[in-house]
Amino acid sequence: MNSWKTFIFSLNLVLVFIFFGVTVVKNENVLAKGQELYLSLYIRDPRSLMQGDYMELRYALTEQIRQKKTDKENGYAVVNVSDGSLIRLQKDVVPVVKGEVAIRYVYDDKIWPKVMLSNHSFMFQEGNGHYYNGARYALVKVDKRGNIHVLHLCDSNKQILGPGKDE
């Protein structure tokens, strides 16, 4: 009976490693092949008493989506790659043409009506909040399903912010 426990434990361990390995490969694929885009941010305070240092990202795009929406459904915002401006809203990730990318959004009206993108926070090492005070853009990669992955926060000149970068 003890050998079965060892076998089950080992099998579970292997499955966990496979799951995390596949997740890493998927994220590396997004970093390598995802569509790069700058999204404009509203000014936010990079602090949280409960979670340490992080910045809640409030994208200007979400306000544009909210103003243009006529229903309470989730969908995709088709955005111009060159300037990050909203072109149209649609129900599916396709079709988009060259120079456009579809970003998935979720409509949430549990407390008050708001639109959220798939990634709305940026964590950084405690004590480094002052580097990100001037953040005006998020440099993101968009995957095939319309999810955004934040790479860096940038200033008003789209220069990357953070430790070791010119301030």
Foldseek 3Di string as FASTA:
>chain_A
DVVVVVVVVVVVVVVVVVVVVVVVVVVVCLVVDFQKAKFFFDQFQQADPVPAGKTFTDTPVFVVCVVPDDDQAWWWFKAFRVHRDTDDTDHAQDDDDPRIGIATWHWDCPPHTTIDGQDGMGDDDHPWSVQCNQFGIFIWGADSRRHTDTDATAHPVRAGTTPPGDD
